[in-house]
Amino acid sequence: RVTASNLFLLCTSYTGDGVEVLANACCLQNIMTQGNGGNGIRIGSDTAGNNSNSWTMINVSAISNGGHGVYCHDADVNCNAGTSVNLTCLLNTGDGIRIGLSQVNTWAGSLCENNTGWGAKLSPSVNPQMFQTFIGGDFEANTAGQFRLESTAFLNFIQVGCVVSDAGTTSQNTIIGAGALKVASSTAETVTVTGVTT
């Protein structure tokens, strides 16, 4: 396991991603990445052949980056089985958290505020079996909206205190106590909702 800890990365002219996780069992702890032209943190790669599974982030912040705060996506779907605890994503040009091709990750206590995109957006292009778990946290004041599940986001467990937008038609997502639910397409919708006012 490789661990990077206690770092503050302030960039003023770098156009790429602040931190890239491109190996198995990497741990980021007490890290802030700010001002990158790309994403604050990238887990996975657009190029095939990497294994970024079993990642961990603890007390990590991604602030004022030109892309997403955290972008979790891998061409081979090899950025799985990860855990994020107390992640902060603020003032990013993209989404606070963007998840593409990735499965079986847990996100606990994420703070995503004042991002130009969504607070969190689950948006895989193919292979819809995502199995993402979001527990608690705070998603607010994001320009596009607070939490978005695209139609390809499948079998996720979402327990957050904000409006959750689910565009799925057969997505089978479980959304608990989300305050309100917006469904873009209700045809054959199989979302399970508990404790939600619609």
Protein backbone atom coordinates (compact mmCIF):
# COMPACT_ATOMS: atom_id res chain seq x y z
CA ARG A 1 0.00 0.00 0.00
CA VAL A 2 1.26 3.46 -0.95
CA THR A 3 0.20 6.32 1.34
CA ALA A 4 0.50 10.04 0.67
CA SER A 5 -0.33 12.22 3.66
CA ASN A 6 -0.17 15.73 5.08
CA LEU A 7 0.24 17.62 1.79
CA PHE A 8 -1.10 20.96 0.54
CA LEU A 9 -0.83 21.25 -3.25
CA LEU A 10 -1.55 24.81 -4.41
CA CYS A 11 -1.28 25.23 -8.17
CA THR A 12 -1.50 28.50 -10.09
CA SER A 13 -0.64 27.52 -13.66
CA TYR A 14 -0.76 23.70 -13.86
CA THR A 15 -3.30 22.51 -16.44
CA GLY A 16 -3.52 18.85 -15.44
CA ASP A 17 -5.01 16.93 -12.49
CA GLY A 18 -3.66 17.66 -9.03
CA VAL A 19 -3.36 14.05 -7.77
CA GLU A 20 -3.66 10.93 -9.93
CA VAL A 21 -4.29 7.52 -8.38
CA LEU A 22 -3.01 4.95 -10.89
CA ALA A 23 -2.04 1.99 -8.72
CA ASN A 24 -3.74 -0.53 -6.45
CA ALA A 25 -4.33 0.13 -2.73
CA CYS A 26 -3.29 3.79 -2.66
CA CYS A 27 -4.23 5.91 0.35
CA LEU A 28 -4.57 9.71 0.40
CA GLN A 29 -4.80 11.19 3.88
CA ASN A 30 -4.94 14.83 5.05
CA ILE A 31 -4.34 16.22 1.55
CA MET A 32 -5.64 19.43 -0.03
CA THR A 33 -5.32 20.06 -3.76
CA GLN A 34 -6.31 23.50 -5.03
CA GLY A 35 -6.22 25.52 -8.25
CA ASN A 36 -5.43 22.81 -10.80
CA GLY A 37 -6.58 23.31 -14.38
CA GLY A 38 -7.93 19.76 -14.46
CA ASN A 39 -9.50 17.69 -11.70
CA GLY A 40 -8.40 18.03 -8.11
CA ILE A 41 -8.08 14.26 -7.74
CA ARG A 42 -8.34 11.65 -10.50
CA ILE A 43 -8.86 8.01 -9.58
CA GLY A 44 -8.34 5.74 -12.59
CA SER A 45 -7.28 6.46 -16.16
CA ASP A 46 -8.72 6.94 -19.65
CA THR A 47 -5.98 4.59 -20.88
CA ALA A 48 -6.44 0.84 -20.46
CA GLY A 49 -4.03 -1.21 -18.36
CA ASN A 50 -4.06 0.49 -14.94
CA ASN A 51 -5.39 -0.91 -11.66
CA SER A 52 -6.57 1.74 -9.21
CA ASN A 53 -8.74 -0.54 -7.07
CA SER A 54 -8.96 -0.55 -3.26
CA TRP A 55 -8.20 3.16 -2.94
CA THR A 56 -8.75 5.14 0.28
CA MET A 57 -9.23 8.87 0.91
CA ILE A 58 -9.40 10.27 4.45
CA ASN A 59 -9.80 14.00 5.20
CA VAL A 60 -9.04 15.04 1.62
CA SER A 61 -10.04 18.40 0.08
CA ALA A 62 -10.33 19.44 -3.58
CA ILE A 63 -10.96 23.17 -3.94
CA SER A 64 -11.21 25.62 -6.86
CA ASN A 65 -10.07 23.23 -9.58
CA GLY A 66 -10.84 23.70 -13.27
CA GLY A 67 -12.43 20.26 -13.61
CA HIS A 68 -14.20 18.12 -11.03
CA GLY A 69 -13.16 18.01 -7.40
CA VAL A 70 -12.80 14.22 -7.57
CA TYR A 71 -13.21 12.24 -10.80
CA CYS A 72 -13.45 8.45 -10.30
CA HIS A 73 -13.41 6.73 -13.69
CA ASP A 74 -11.32 4.06 -15.38
CA ALA A 75 -11.39 2.76 -18.96
CA ASP A 76 -11.11 -0.84 -17.67
CA VAL A 77 -13.49 -0.22 -14.74
CA ASN A 78 -10.50 -0.66 -12.41
CA CYS A 79 -11.12 2.00 -9.76
CA ASN A 80 -13.38 -0.08 -7.55
CA ALA A 81 -13.69 -1.13 -3.90
CA GLY A 82 -12.61 2.30 -2.66
CA THR A 83 -13.52 4.20 0.49
CA SER A 84 -13.76 7.95 1.01
CA VAL A 85 -14.24 9.47 4.48
CA ASN A 86 -14.72 13.22 5.13
CA LEU A 87 -14.05 14.37 1.58
CA THR A 88 -14.47 18.12 0.88
CA CYS A 89 -15.12 19.42 -2.66
CA LEU A 90 -15.68 23.18 -2.93
CA LEU A 91 -15.78 25.78 -5.72
CA ASN A 92 -14.78 23.43 -8.55
CA THR A 93 -15.71 24.29 -12.13
CA GLY A 94 -17.09 20.80 -12.75
CA ASP A 95 -18.92 18.55 -10.28
CA GLY A 96 -17.80 18.10 -6.70
CA ILE A 97 -17.69 14.33 -7.19
CA ARG A 98 -18.05 12.77 -10.66
CA ILE A 99 -18.20 8.99 -11.00
CA GLY A 100 -17.91 7.30 -14.39
CA LEU A 101 -16.96 3.65 -14.90
CA SER A 102 -16.45 2.49 -11.34
CA GLN A 103 -18.11 0.05 -8.95
CA VAL A 104 -18.52 -0.86 -5.28
CA ASN A 105 -17.19 2.30 -3.64
CA THR A 106 -18.28 3.86 -0.34
CA TRP A 107 -18.46 7.63 0.24
CA ALA A 108 -19.06 8.67 3.86
CA GLY A 109 -19.53 12.23 5.10
CA SER A 110 -18.73 14.10 1.86
CA LEU A 111 -19.06 17.89 1.79
CA CYS A 112 -19.78 19.21 -1.72
CA GLU A 113 -20.70 22.89 -1.92
CA ASN A 114 -20.54 25.79 -4.38
CA ASN A 115 -19.41 23.72 -7.35
CA THR A 116 -20.47 24.90 -10.80
CA GLY A 117 -21.67 21.42 -11.73
CA TRP A 118 -23.49 18.96 -9.47
CA GLY A 119 -22.51 18.27 -5.89
CA ALA A 120 -22.21 14.61 -6.90
CA LYS A 121 -22.98 13.06 -10.28
CA LEU A 122 -23.00 9.36 -11.13
CA SER A 123 -22.65 9.23 -14.89
CA PRO A 124 -21.15 6.07 -16.42
CA SER A 125 -21.12 5.92 -20.22
CA VAL A 126 -21.55 2.14 -20.33
CA ASN A 127 -21.68 -0.79 -17.90
CA PRO A 128 -24.38 0.62 -15.60
CA GLN A 129 -23.78 -1.63 -12.56
CA MET A 130 -22.30 0.94 -10.23
CA PHE A 131 -23.03 -0.15 -6.64
CA GLN A 132 -21.96 3.19 -5.14
CA THR A 133 -22.87 3.85 -1.48
CA PHE A 134 -23.23 7.43 -0.22
CA ILE A 135 -23.84 7.95 3.51
CA GLY A 136 -24.48 11.34 5.08
CA GLY A 137 -22.52 14.43 4.20
CA ASP A 138 -23.67 17.83 2.95
CA PHE A 139 -24.54 18.67 -0.67
CA GLU A 140 -25.73 22.24 -1.15
CA ALA A 141 -25.40 25.47 -3.14
CA ASN A 142 -24.12 23.67 -6.26
CA THR A 143 -25.14 25.40 -9.48
CA ALA A 144 -26.41 22.41 -11.51
CA GLY A 145 -28.02 20.71 -8.50
CA GLN A 146 -27.08 18.67 -5.46
CA PHE A 147 -27.07 14.99 -6.43
CA ARG A 148 -27.62 13.39 -9.85
CA LEU A 149 -28.03 9.77 -10.91
CA GLU A 150 -27.94 9.40 -14.70
CA SER A 151 -29.95 6.65 -16.42
CA THR A 152 -26.88 4.39 -16.53
CA ALA A 153 -26.32 4.61 -12.75
CA PHE A 154 -27.56 1.27 -11.47
CA LEU A 155 -28.11 -0.34 -8.03
CA ASN A 156 -26.79 2.48 -5.83
CA PHE A 157 -27.56 3.17 -2.17
CA ILE A 158 -27.96 6.88 -1.44
CA GLN A 159 -28.61 8.23 2.07
CA VAL A 160 -28.05 11.98 1.89
CA GLY A 161 -29.96 14.99 3.17
CA CYS A 162 -30.55 16.77 -0.15
CA VAL A 163 -32.62 16.62 -3.31
CA VAL A 164 -31.63 13.60 -5.40
CA SER A 165 -32.35 13.64 -9.12
CA ASP A 166 -32.68 10.16 -10.67
CA ALA A 167 -32.95 9.96 -14.46
CA GLY A 168 -33.06 6.16 -14.50
CA THR A 169 -35.87 4.10 -15.97
CA THR A 170 -34.80 0.72 -14.59
CA SER A 171 -32.08 1.92 -12.24
CA GLN A 172 -33.18 0.17 -9.02
CA ASN A 173 -31.50 2.76 -6.84
CA THR A 174 -32.33 3.00 -3.14
CA ILE A 175 -32.67 6.56 -1.86
CA ILE A 176 -33.30 7.10 1.86
CA GLY A 177 -34.28 10.31 3.65
CA ALA A 178 -33.24 12.54 0.78
CA GLY A 179 -35.70 15.35 1.53
CA ALA A 180 -37.14 15.31 -1.99
CA LEU A 181 -36.90 13.28 -5.18
CA LYS A 182 -37.04 14.42 -8.79
CA VAL A 183 -37.43 11.76 -11.47
CA ALA A 184 -36.76 12.85 -15.04
CA SER A 185 -38.36 9.77 -16.57
CA SER A 186 -40.88 7.70 -14.66
CA THR A 187 -41.35 4.98 -17.29
CA ALA A 188 -40.77 1.61 -15.60
CA GLU A 189 -39.02 3.40 -12.75
CA THR A 190 -38.00 1.06 -9.93
CA VAL A 191 -36.46 3.48 -7.46
CA THR A 192 -37.04 2.54 -3.81
CA VAL A 193 -37.64 5.62 -1.68
CA THR A 194 -37.97 5.72 2.09
CA GLY A 195 -38.67 8.81 4.18
CA VAL A 196 -38.85 11.15 1.22
CA THR A 197 -41.32 13.95 0.57
CA THR A 198 -42.12 14.28 -3.15
